[in-house]
Amino acid sequence: MCKAHSTNDWLIISHDLTEALSHIHTKGFLHCDLKANNVLVSNKHGYIIDFGKACDSSFPPAKKYSICYPHIAPEVRNGSPCSKASDIFSLGKILFKVGVKQNIPLLVSMAQECLDASPVRRPTTTGIMATLASIISH
């Protein structure tokens, strides 16, 4: 992560990532492997990359993980299939990392909501985008 970006830049990048995830979900897919290594930041914009584990949201595979990957939602680690909520959890891990490293408390707070242990209590991409849009300076 580059310190050259302003707080507002990071909020825009976070919005871009959330919007990209929303688009993926709208098209009927799940990313299933969203993590910092699968994000590209270029010209103050964020992009989701590496769709190697993406799947149709109608038929998500269930997999029991023997290794505890920190970006994988707890319910998925325990054998439940990927879902929009598990992608939100993974997005939350990225937003949390950015928020802490760049000292953006509002982003940390929003990320913590995404990291809720209960998938049903996690926010939607629409809610995250609305919150980010309300705090981005134009």
Foldseek 3Di string as FASTA:
>chain_A
DDLVDAPLLVLQQLLQVLVQQVVCVVVQKHQQDQAPVQWDADPSHIDGHDSPQMDGQVDFAADADPDCDPLFQPVSVHTDGDHQLRSLLSSLVVQCVCCVVNVPVVSNVLSVQSNPNDSVSRDHSVVSSVVSVVPRDD
